[in-house]
């Protein structure tokens, strides 16, 4: 989902709406679903294909932002008698509702991803499914792909199974509630184990050289009848929850590679130049990065509650460029097959309500465990999926980038001409008077240009806000 999150309070929405409407129009973002798609969604919501296996006795719970209703995943965590753990992870079974070749299916292939805006979203599937009949809402029986992953006492995977099942979530929890329950010792064991398993998986991630970016959320807050930008640091529970999804994605990749047919999420190792640029940004932001310390260790030690570290973590997302999807068949595993940030083989399979490829990965895994050939409709679609996902990802990245620009410009538009304290975190090699500055207050990372001398990389600088126009979605500073 989006790497750079923006949360807009209700009070701050009005000044942004015109610019966001214009952005949607410019990018041809679909507002509504065609009538045939809505009609089909209404019909299948009432009559999904239900599985024979009943797992509604397991007390699943979900962990999501408090306002989320498109719930892809639910979990139940337990101890095993040998000192290890059992993870049950239910993933919404979109294929129980969407028939290959149907209007719903065609529309999902057109949209590819749910797109997020500060004031709403353009969903992959109609709300009657994504926020209703297919969502793992509490108290409702739902068709799901039920993963059972056994771990040893160190958190290493020892057995994997996935099958179709009927599940029922018992509780809809949010990150803050989970964190509070765990911290105060009031969490029931299935919830409390999220910390134990999450920490074990984080330790294994560090051991293999992987890294999870705990990117802060950029939040608009109201202060004295005006608005400002600040960073909201993720909680440890955010990371523990993400480790369960990563665990499942790695297990899915192993199932597919063993079966010989699949689709992997791959990311090449970052080039030296990109890492060198991050080193310069770290120096500029006062983030300690000794030469003998790896990128992964520096990121792991960063404190997202520290505004400068938060800005550094935002810059680290540039190393995710180049991620893509790679299809393989007949056992011809691609080289390289690894996702560099995960430091292992990995695939996307845990968010089918919001990401097209996950539906196909789930079907491949169910077939692999059963010892069956993948369904024909899956095999027929595989070759086109990487390009479809690449196009959808480019659009999502544009939306994300333009959202940030619009929000920053809208909130700063009355402050053109003001002077701010900033740090120069990047300078263009061929245009040394052009670069990027980071402001602690407000929480803005923006372009700087217009000076006559080389920008002082890594140094404090007084800057003047030269432009802030949400109509053009750009913020520009100049040396003061």
Protein backbone atom coordinates (compact mmCIF):
# COMPACT_ATOMS: atom_id res chain seq x y z
CA UNK A 1 0.00 0.00 0.00
CA UNK A 2 1.16 3.59 -0.09
CA UNK A 3 4.74 4.07 1.16
CA UNK A 4 4.18 7.68 2.19
CA UNK A 5 0.97 7.92 4.17
CA UNK A 6 -0.97 11.13 4.57
CA UNK A 7 -3.76 11.46 7.08
CA UNK A 8 -6.09 14.45 6.78
CA UNK A 9 -8.36 15.40 9.64
CA UNK A 10 -11.96 16.29 8.82
CA UNK A 11 -11.32 19.93 9.61
CA UNK A 12 -8.56 20.14 7.03
CA UNK A 13 -10.39 18.60 4.10
CA UNK A 14 -12.19 21.65 2.67
CA UNK A 15 -9.15 23.65 1.44
CA UNK A 16 -7.79 20.60 -0.35
CA UNK A 17 -10.85 19.28 -2.12
CA UNK A 18 -10.63 21.37 -5.30
CA UNK A 19 -7.00 20.43 -5.92
CA UNK A 20 -7.69 16.76 -5.21
CA UNK A 21 -10.68 16.77 -7.58
CA UNK A 22 -8.47 18.29 -10.26
CA UNK A 23 -5.82 15.61 -9.67
CA UNK A 24 -8.39 12.85 -10.06
CA UNK A 25 -9.60 14.37 -13.32
CA UNK A 26 -6.07 14.88 -14.63
CA UNK A 27 -5.12 11.24 -13.96
CA UNK A 28 -8.50 9.88 -15.11
CA UNK A 29 -9.10 8.16 -11.79
CA UNK A 30 -12.39 6.23 -11.96
CA UNK A 31 -14.94 7.69 -9.58
CA UNK A 32 -17.73 5.14 -9.82
CA UNK A 33 -18.10 1.57 -11.00
CA UNK A 34 -20.07 0.87 -14.20
CA UNK A 35 -23.66 -0.22 -13.61
CA UNK A 36 -23.09 -3.85 -14.81
CA UNK A 37 -20.18 -4.20 -12.38
CA UNK A 38 -22.24 -2.88 -9.46
CA UNK A 39 -25.14 -5.16 -10.36
CA UNK A 40 -22.86 -8.18 -10.53
CA UNK A 41 -21.23 -7.26 -7.21
CA UNK A 42 -24.62 -6.96 -5.52
CA UNK A 43 -25.63 -10.39 -6.81
CA UNK A 44 -22.44 -12.27 -5.86
CA UNK A 45 -22.34 -10.59 -2.45
CA UNK A 46 -25.53 -12.50 -1.66
CA UNK A 47 -24.35 -15.84 -3.02
CA UNK A 48 -20.56 -16.39 -2.79
CA UNK A 49 -18.99 -19.78 -3.44
CA UNK A 50 -18.58 -21.14 0.10
CA UNK A 51 -15.91 -23.69 1.05
CA UNK A 52 -16.64 -27.03 2.67
CA UNK A 53 -14.07 -26.67 5.46
CA UNK A 54 -15.41 -24.83 8.52
CA UNK A 55 -12.89 -23.00 10.70
CA UNK A 56 -15.32 -20.61 12.39
CA UNK A 57 -14.38 -22.10 15.78
CA UNK A 58 -11.03 -20.26 15.65
CA UNK A 59 -11.36 -16.83 17.33
CA UNK A 60 -9.70 -14.68 14.68
CA UNK A 61 -8.99 -10.96 15.13
CA UNK A 62 -8.00 -8.22 12.70
CA UNK A 63 -5.49 -5.39 13.20
CA UNK A 64 -6.04 -2.35 10.98
CA UNK A 65 -6.40 1.44 11.18
CA UNK A 66 -9.53 2.21 13.23
CA UNK A 67 -11.58 3.50 10.28
CA UNK A 68 -10.70 0.68 7.86
CA UNK A 69 -13.52 -1.54 6.65
CA UNK A 70 -11.76 -3.32 3.75
CA UNK A 71 -10.21 -6.01 5.94
CA UNK A 72 -8.05 -8.47 3.97
CA UNK A 73 -6.45 -10.36 6.86
CA UNK A 74 -7.43 -11.90 10.18
CA UNK A 75 -5.18 -13.94 12.46
CA UNK A 76 -5.16 -16.36 15.36
CA UNK A 77 -1.88 -17.05 17.16
CA UNK A 78 -1.20 -19.94 19.54
CA UNK A 79 1.62 -21.78 21.25
CA UNK A 80 2.50 -25.33 20.24
CA UNK A 81 3.33 -28.03 22.74
CA UNK A 82 6.93 -28.28 21.48
CA UNK A 83 7.66 -24.66 22.39
CA UNK A 84 6.96 -23.25 18.95
CA UNK A 85 4.02 -21.30 17.58
CA UNK A 86 1.11 -21.78 15.20
CA UNK A 87 -0.02 -18.90 13.00
CA UNK A 88 -3.46 -19.10 11.45
CA UNK A 89 -3.80 -16.31 8.92
CA UNK A 90 -7.05 -15.88 7.01
CA UNK A 91 -6.97 -13.93 3.75
CA UNK A 92 -10.18 -12.71 2.11
CA UNK A 93 -11.14 -15.09 -0.69
CA UNK A 94 -11.92 -12.70 -3.54
CA UNK A 95 -12.20 -15.60 -5.99
CA UNK A 96 -15.27 -16.76 -4.07
CA UNK A 97 -17.02 -13.68 -5.47
CA UNK A 98 -15.22 -12.75 -8.71
CA UNK A 99 -15.72 -15.09 -11.67
CA UNK A 100 -12.92 -15.08 -14.28
CA UNK A 101 -14.01 -13.20 -17.39
CA UNK A 102 -16.89 -11.46 -15.63
CA UNK A 103 -17.55 -7.73 -15.56
CA UNK A 104 -16.15 -7.61 -12.01
CA UNK A 105 -12.99 -9.37 -13.14
CA UNK A 106 -12.49 -7.07 -16.13
CA UNK A 107 -12.95 -3.97 -13.96
CA UNK A 108 -10.42 -5.25 -11.42
CA UNK A 109 -7.90 -5.73 -14.23
CA UNK A 110 -8.60 -2.17 -15.36
CA UNK A 111 -8.06 -0.72 -11.89
CA UNK A 112 -5.28 -3.08 -10.65
CA UNK A 113 -4.88 -1.38 -7.24
CA UNK A 114 -6.86 0.58 -4.71
CA UNK A 115 -5.65 4.19 -4.95
CA UNK A 116 -5.49 6.27 -1.78
CA UNK A 117 -6.14 10.00 -1.50
CA UNK A 118 -6.18 12.19 1.62
CA UNK A 119 -9.94 12.51 1.33
CA UNK A 120 -10.87 8.99 0.22
CA UNK A 121 -9.92 6.17 -2.13
CA UNK A 122 -10.64 4.69 -5.54
CA UNK A 123 -11.16 1.01 -4.64
CA UNK A 124 -10.24 -2.07 -6.63
CA UNK A 125 -13.62 -3.69 -5.97
CA UNK A 126 -17.07 -2.23 -5.26
CA UNK A 127 -17.69 -1.42 -1.61
CA UNK A 128 -20.44 -4.03 -1.34
CA UNK A 129 -17.62 -6.57 -1.64
CA UNK A 130 -14.45 -4.85 -0.42
CA UNK A 131 -16.10 -3.26 2.62
CA UNK A 132 -18.93 -5.76 2.94
CA UNK A 133 -19.43 -9.35 1.86
CA UNK A 134 -15.75 -10.18 1.18
CA UNK A 135 -14.25 -8.15 4.04
CA UNK A 136 -13.28 -10.05 7.20
CA UNK A 137 -15.54 -7.94 9.42
CA UNK A 138 -16.16 -9.17 12.97
CA UNK A 139 -19.06 -11.47 13.68
CA UNK A 140 -19.63 -12.47 10.05
CA UNK A 141 -18.78 -15.84 8.44
CA UNK A 142 -16.56 -15.26 5.43
CA UNK A 143 -14.88 -17.40 2.78
CA UNK A 144 -11.11 -17.18 3.13
CA UNK A 145 -7.81 -18.72 2.16
CA UNK A 146 -6.71 -20.07 5.51
CA UNK A 147 -2.95 -20.30 6.05
CA UNK A 148 -1.56 -22.46 8.84
CA UNK A 149 2.13 -21.78 9.42
CA UNK A 150 4.00 -23.59 12.19
CA UNK A 151 7.10 -21.99 13.67
CA UNK A 152 9.77 -23.36 15.97
CA UNK A 153 10.77 -21.68 19.24
CA UNK A 154 13.05 -19.26 17.33
CA UNK A 155 10.28 -18.24 14.91
CA UNK A 156 11.58 -20.25 11.94
CA UNK A 157 9.00 -21.77 9.65
CA UNK A 158 8.72 -25.57 9.90
CA UNK A 159 5.41 -26.34 8.14
CA UNK A 160 2.97 -24.56 5.83
CA UNK A 161 -0.58 -25.30 4.72
CA UNK A 162 -3.23 -23.24 2.94
CA UNK A 163 -6.77 -24.20 2.03
CA UNK A 164 -10.16 -22.65 1.49
CA UNK A 165 -12.16 -22.29 4.70
CA UNK A 166 -15.08 -20.51 6.27
CA UNK A 167 -13.83 -18.20 9.04
CA UNK A 168 -15.30 -15.69 11.47
CA UNK A 169 -13.41 -12.81 13.04
CA UNK A 170 -14.27 -12.10 16.67
CA UNK A 171 -12.69 -8.68 17.09
CA UNK A 172 -11.69 -5.66 15.00
CA UNK A 173 -8.65 -4.16 16.69
CA UNK A 174 -6.49 -1.18 15.77
CA UNK A 175 -2.76 -0.71 16.28
CA UNK A 176 -3.05 1.61 19.28
CA UNK A 177 -5.44 -0.74 21.08
CA UNK A 178 -3.21 -3.76 20.44
CA UNK A 179 -0.14 -1.85 21.61
CA UNK A 180 -1.88 -0.69 24.79
CA UNK A 181 -3.20 -4.16 25.62
CA UNK A 182 0.22 -5.73 25.12
CA UNK A 183 2.07 -3.00 27.05
CA UNK A 184 -0.32 -3.18 30.01
CA UNK A 185 -0.43 -6.97 30.10
CA UNK A 186 -4.19 -7.06 29.46
CA UNK A 187 -4.02 -8.72 26.04
CA UNK A 188 -5.41 -12.23 25.65
CA UNK A 189 -2.78 -14.76 24.59
CA UNK A 190 -3.59 -14.77 20.83
CA UNK A 191 -3.03 -11.00 20.80
CA UNK A 192 -0.09 -11.01 23.23
CA UNK A 193 1.71 -13.53 21.03
CA UNK A 194 1.81 -10.95 18.24
CA UNK A 195 4.69 -9.29 20.11
CA UNK A 196 6.52 -12.56 20.78
CA UNK A 197 6.25 -13.83 17.21
CA UNK A 198 6.81 -10.38 15.73
CA UNK A 199 10.05 -9.91 17.64
CA UNK A 200 11.31 -13.36 16.68
CA UNK A 201 10.59 -12.66 13.02
CA UNK A 202 12.28 -9.24 13.28
CA UNK A 203 15.38 -10.93 14.70
CA UNK A 204 15.40 -13.42 11.82
CA UNK A 205 14.94 -10.55 9.38
CA UNK A 206 18.04 -8.87 10.80
CA UNK A 207 19.93 -12.17 10.66
CA UNK A 208 19.30 -12.63 6.95
CA UNK A 209 20.00 -8.95 6.17
CA UNK A 210 16.43 -7.86 5.46
CA UNK A 211 14.88 -4.57 6.43
CA UNK A 212 11.38 -3.26 7.08
CA UNK A 213 10.90 0.47 6.60
CA UNK A 214 8.81 1.89 9.44
CA UNK A 215 7.91 4.98 7.44
CA UNK A 216 6.08 7.59 9.54
CA UNK A 217 2.70 8.89 8.54
CA UNK A 218 2.62 12.51 7.48
CA UNK A 219 -0.32 14.00 9.35
CA UNK A 220 -2.17 17.30 9.09
CA UNK A 221 -2.97 18.76 12.49
CA UNK A 222 -5.03 21.80 13.42
CA UNK A 223 -3.30 24.42 15.58
CA UNK A 224 -4.82 27.78 16.54
CA UNK A 225 -7.24 27.76 13.57
CA UNK A 226 -4.43 26.97 11.13
CA UNK A 227 -3.02 23.69 9.89
CA UNK A 228 0.46 22.24 10.02
CA UNK A 229 2.24 19.05 9.02
CA UNK A 230 3.81 16.65 11.48
CA UNK A 231 5.06 13.07 11.45
CA UNK A 232 3.24 10.27 13.33
CA UNK A 233 5.63 7.49 14.21
CA UNK A 234 4.41 3.91 13.71
CA UNK A 235 3.97 1.78 16.81
CA UNK A 236 5.89 -1.45 17.42
CA UNK A 237 2.58 -3.27 16.86
CA UNK A 238 2.57 -1.96 13.26
CA UNK A 239 5.85 -3.76 12.65
CA UNK A 240 4.81 -6.99 14.42
CA UNK A 241 1.64 -7.11 12.35
CA UNK A 242 3.65 -6.54 9.15
CA UNK A 243 5.91 -9.47 10.06
CA UNK A 244 2.94 -11.86 9.91
CA UNK A 245 2.19 -10.66 6.38
CA UNK A 246 5.86 -10.96 5.39
CA UNK A 247 6.00 -14.46 6.84
CA UNK A 248 3.02 -15.47 4.70
CA UNK A 249 4.44 -13.87 1.56
CA UNK A 250 7.71 -15.77 2.02
CA UNK A 251 5.86 -19.03 2.67
CA UNK A 252 3.80 -18.44 -0.49
CA UNK A 253 6.95 -17.86 -2.56
CA UNK A 254 8.41 -21.13 -1.32
CA UNK A 255 5.23 -23.03 -2.20
CA UNK A 256 5.18 -21.61 -5.71
CA UNK A 257 8.87 -22.21 -6.41
CA UNK A 258 8.53 -25.80 -5.20
CA UNK A 259 5.52 -26.28 -7.50
CA UNK A 260 7.32 -24.67 -10.45
CA UNK A 261 4.71 -22.03 -11.36
CA UNK A 262 4.23 -18.68 -9.72
CA UNK A 263 4.72 -14.94 -9.55
CA UNK A 264 7.31 -13.36 -7.26
CA UNK A 265 7.74 -9.83 -5.99
CA UNK A 266 11.37 -9.04 -6.79
CA UNK A 267 13.68 -6.12 -6.03
CA UNK A 268 17.30 -5.85 -7.21
CA UNK A 269 20.03 -4.78 -4.83
CA UNK A 270 20.30 -0.99 -4.74
CA UNK A 271 23.17 0.43 -6.81
CA UNK A 272 26.10 1.95 -4.96
CA UNK A 273 25.15 5.42 -6.17
CA UNK A 274 21.72 5.24 -4.55
CA UNK A 275 23.20 4.12 -1.24
CA UNK A 276 25.82 6.89 -1.45
CA UNK A 277 23.04 9.43 -1.93
CA UNK A 278 21.31 8.10 1.20
CA UNK A 279 24.58 8.45 3.11
CA UNK A 280 24.66 12.12 2.16
CA UNK A 281 21.05 12.52 3.30
CA UNK A 282 21.86 10.80 6.59
CA UNK A 283 24.78 13.15 7.16
CA UNK A 284 22.61 16.15 6.38
CA UNK A 285 19.92 15.03 8.82
CA UNK A 286 22.31 14.14 11.61
CA UNK A 287 21.64 10.39 11.35
CA UNK A 288 24.72 8.49 12.53
CA UNK A 289 25.91 6.10 9.80
CA UNK A 290 29.48 4.85 10.38
CA UNK A 291 31.15 3.44 7.28
CA UNK A 292 31.35 -0.07 8.73
CA UNK A 293 27.58 -0.18 9.45
CA UNK A 294 25.21 -1.56 6.82
CA UNK A 295 22.21 0.27 5.41
CA UNK A 296 19.88 -2.28 7.02
CA UNK A 297 21.36 -1.73 10.47
CA UNK A 298 21.11 2.06 10.15
CA UNK A 299 17.47 1.88 9.15
CA UNK A 300 16.73 -0.58 11.95
CA UNK A 301 18.24 1.82 14.49
CA UNK A 302 16.38 4.89 13.19
CA UNK A 303 13.76 6.35 15.51
CA UNK A 304 10.65 7.28 13.49
CA UNK A 305 9.54 9.53 16.37
CA UNK A 306 12.58 11.75 15.69
CA UNK A 307 11.62 14.23 12.92
CA UNK A 308 15.03 14.02 11.24
CA UNK A 309 15.04 10.25 11.36
CA UNK A 310 11.49 10.33 9.98
CA UNK A 311 12.68 12.37 7.01
CA UNK A 312 15.57 9.94 6.50
CA UNK A 313 13.15 6.98 6.47
CA UNK A 314 11.10 8.79 3.84
CA UNK A 315 14.24 9.14 1.73
CA UNK A 316 14.98 5.43 2.19
CA UNK A 317 11.90 4.54 0.14
CA UNK A 318 13.91 5.55 -2.95
CA UNK A 319 15.80 2.24 -2.63
CA UNK A 320 12.51 0.43 -3.30
CA UNK A 321 12.54 1.70 -6.88
CA UNK A 322 12.91 -1.14 -9.33
CA UNK A 323 10.59 -3.54 -7.52
CA UNK A 324 8.46 -5.58 -9.86
CA UNK A 325 6.72 -8.89 -10.45
CA UNK A 326 8.36 -11.86 -12.13
CA UNK A 327 6.40 -14.82 -13.50
CA UNK A 328 7.92 -18.27 -13.82
CA UNK A 329 6.57 -21.54 -15.23
CA UNK A 330 7.81 -25.10 -15.78
CA UNK A 331 10.19 -24.73 -12.86
CA UNK A 332 12.27 -22.00 -14.52
CA UNK A 333 12.89 -19.90 -11.41
CA UNK A 334 14.06 -16.37 -12.33
CA UNK A 335 17.51 -15.06 -11.43
CA UNK A 336 17.63 -13.15 -9.23
CA UNK A 337 14.42 -14.27 -7.53
CA UNK A 338 14.98 -12.43 -4.26
CA UNK A 339 13.41 -9.24 -2.96
CA UNK A 340 16.40 -7.26 -1.71
CA UNK A 341 14.55 -5.60 1.19
CA UNK A 342 13.12 -8.93 2.37
CA UNK A 343 16.43 -10.71 1.64
CA UNK A 344 14.54 -13.79 0.54
CA UNK A 345 12.06 -14.99 -2.05
CA UNK A 346 8.74 -13.26 -1.48
CA UNK A 347 5.38 -12.59 -3.09
CA UNK A 348 2.29 -10.47 -2.53
CA UNK A 349 -0.65 -12.60 -1.43
CA UNK A 350 -2.21 -11.00 1.66
CA UNK A 351 -4.19 -8.03 0.29
CA UNK A 352 -6.51 -9.32 -2.50
CA UNK A 353 -9.23 -6.79 -1.72
CA UNK A 354 -6.82 -3.99 -2.63
CA UNK A 355 -4.24 -5.52 -5.02
CA UNK A 356 -5.03 -7.59 -8.12
CA UNK A 357 -1.99 -9.90 -8.12
CA UNK A 358 -2.76 -11.30 -4.66
CA UNK A 359 -5.84 -13.15 -5.91
CA UNK A 360 -3.69 -15.05 -8.41
CA UNK A 361 -0.88 -15.78 -5.94
CA UNK A 362 -3.40 -17.21 -3.49
CA UNK A 363 -4.84 -19.54 -6.12
CA UNK A 364 -1.36 -20.76 -7.07
CA UNK A 365 -0.60 -21.59 -3.44
CA UNK A 366 -3.86 -23.45 -2.84
CA UNK A 367 -3.16 -25.54 -5.94
CA UNK A 368 0.44 -26.18 -4.88
CA UNK A 369 -0.56 -27.51 -1.44
CA UNK A 370 -3.28 -29.70 -2.95
CA UNK A 371 -0.86 -31.07 -5.54
CA UNK A 372 -3.07 -29.79 -8.36
CA UNK A 373 -2.26 -27.87 -11.51
CA UNK A 374 -3.15 -24.16 -11.22
CA UNK A 375 -6.59 -23.30 -12.62
CA UNK A 376 -6.59 -22.48 -16.32
CA UNK A 377 -7.85 -18.94 -15.69
CA UNK A 378 -4.81 -18.32 -13.47
CA UNK A 379 -2.33 -19.72 -15.99
CA UNK A 380 -3.93 -17.71 -18.80
CA UNK A 381 -3.58 -14.42 -16.90
CA UNK A 382 -0.07 -14.91 -15.49
CA UNK A 383 2.01 -13.60 -18.38
CA UNK A 384 0.18 -10.25 -18.47
CA UNK A 385 0.16 -9.66 -14.72
CA UNK A 386 3.64 -8.08 -14.36
CA UNK A 387 2.84 -5.38 -16.93
CA UNK A 388 -0.62 -4.79 -15.47
CA UNK A 389 0.82 -4.42 -11.97
CA UNK A 390 3.64 -2.19 -13.24
CA UNK A 391 1.13 0.18 -14.84
CA UNK A 392 -1.02 0.23 -11.73
CA UNK A 393 2.01 0.82 -9.51
CA UNK A 394 3.20 3.74 -11.65
CA UNK A 395 -0.21 5.35 -11.31
CA UNK A 396 -0.28 4.68 -7.55
CA UNK A 397 3.19 6.22 -7.15
CA UNK A 398 2.10 9.30 -9.10
CA UNK A 399 -1.00 9.63 -6.94
CA UNK A 400 1.08 9.28 -3.79
CA UNK A 401 3.66 11.85 -4.91
CA UNK A 402 1.05 14.36 -6.12
CA UNK A 403 -0.98 13.92 -2.92
CA UNK A 404 2.00 14.95 -0.85
CA UNK A 405 2.72 17.95 -3.08
CA UNK A 406 -0.90 19.10 -3.00
CA UNK A 407 -1.22 18.76 0.77
CA UNK A 408 2.02 20.62 1.40
CA UNK A 409 1.16 23.37 -1.08
CA UNK A 410 -2.37 23.79 0.28
CA UNK A 411 -1.15 24.13 3.86
CA UNK A 412 1.68 26.52 2.99
CA UNK A 413 -0.08 28.66 0.40
CA UNK A 414 -0.67 31.54 2.87
CA UNK A 415 2.96 31.54 3.97
CA UNK A 416 4.75 32.40 0.72
CA UNK A 417 7.63 34.77 1.52
CA UNK A 418 8.15 33.48 5.06
CA UNK A 419 11.56 32.36 6.28
CA UNK A 420 12.13 28.85 7.66
CA UNK A 421 15.00 26.87 9.15
CA UNK A 422 15.97 23.90 7.01
CA UNK A 423 18.68 21.34 6.39
CA UNK A 424 20.03 20.62 2.93
CA UNK A 425 19.66 16.84 2.51
CA UNK A 426 20.47 16.49 -1.20
CA UNK A 427 22.21 18.49 -3.94
CA UNK A 428 22.06 17.73 -7.66
CA UNK A 429 25.52 16.91 -8.97
CA UNK A 430 25.05 18.74 -12.28
CA UNK A 431 23.05 21.60 -10.77
CA UNK A 432 24.64 22.27 -7.37
CA UNK A 433 22.33 25.24 -6.72
CA UNK A 434 19.32 22.88 -6.86
CA UNK A 435 18.50 20.30 -4.25
CA UNK A 436 16.20 19.17 -1.45
CA UNK A 437 15.65 20.63 2.00
CA UNK A 438 14.04 19.21 5.11
CA UNK A 439 12.08 21.37 7.52
CA UNK A 440 11.50 20.18 11.07
CA UNK A 441 8.47 22.43 11.47
CA UNK A 442 6.33 22.02 9.46
CA UNK A 443 7.23 18.45 8.47
CA UNK A 444 8.05 19.19 4.83
CA UNK A 445 10.65 17.80 2.44
CA UNK A 446 10.72 19.97 -0.68
CA UNK A 447 12.77 21.31 -3.58
CA UNK A 448 15.06 24.31 -3.30
CA UNK A 449 16.34 26.36 -6.24
CA UNK A 450 17.07 29.93 -7.23
CA UNK A 451 20.37 30.56 -5.50
CA UNK A 452 23.60 31.52 -7.23
CA UNK A 453 26.02 29.38 -5.22
CA UNK A 454 26.40 25.72 -4.41
CA UNK A 455 24.02 24.48 -1.73
CA UNK A 456 25.79 23.45 1.51
CA UNK A 457 25.00 19.74 1.68
CA UNK A 458 24.46 18.57 5.23
CA UNK A 459 24.28 22.07 6.69
CA UNK A 460 21.63 24.26 8.24
CA UNK A 461 20.21 26.95 5.95
CA UNK A 462 17.68 29.75 6.18
CA UNK A 463 15.22 29.37 3.31
CA UNK A 464 12.36 31.45 1.93
CA UNK A 465 9.13 29.90 0.68
CA UNK A 466 9.03 31.00 -2.96
CA UNK A 467 6.02 29.05 -4.25
CA UNK A 468 3.13 27.07 -2.76
CA UNK A 469 0.27 26.56 -5.18
CA UNK A 470 -1.98 23.50 -4.77
CA UNK A 471 -3.17 24.15 -8.33
CA UNK A 472 0.27 23.26 -9.64
CA UNK A 473 0.92 20.96 -6.69
CA UNK A 474 4.42 22.28 -6.06
CA UNK A 475 6.29 23.74 -3.11
CA UNK A 476 9.55 25.55 -3.86
CA UNK A 477 12.02 27.16 -1.50
CA UNK A 478 14.89 29.50 -2.23
CA UNK A 479 17.94 30.40 -0.13
CA UNK A 480 17.14 33.34 2.10
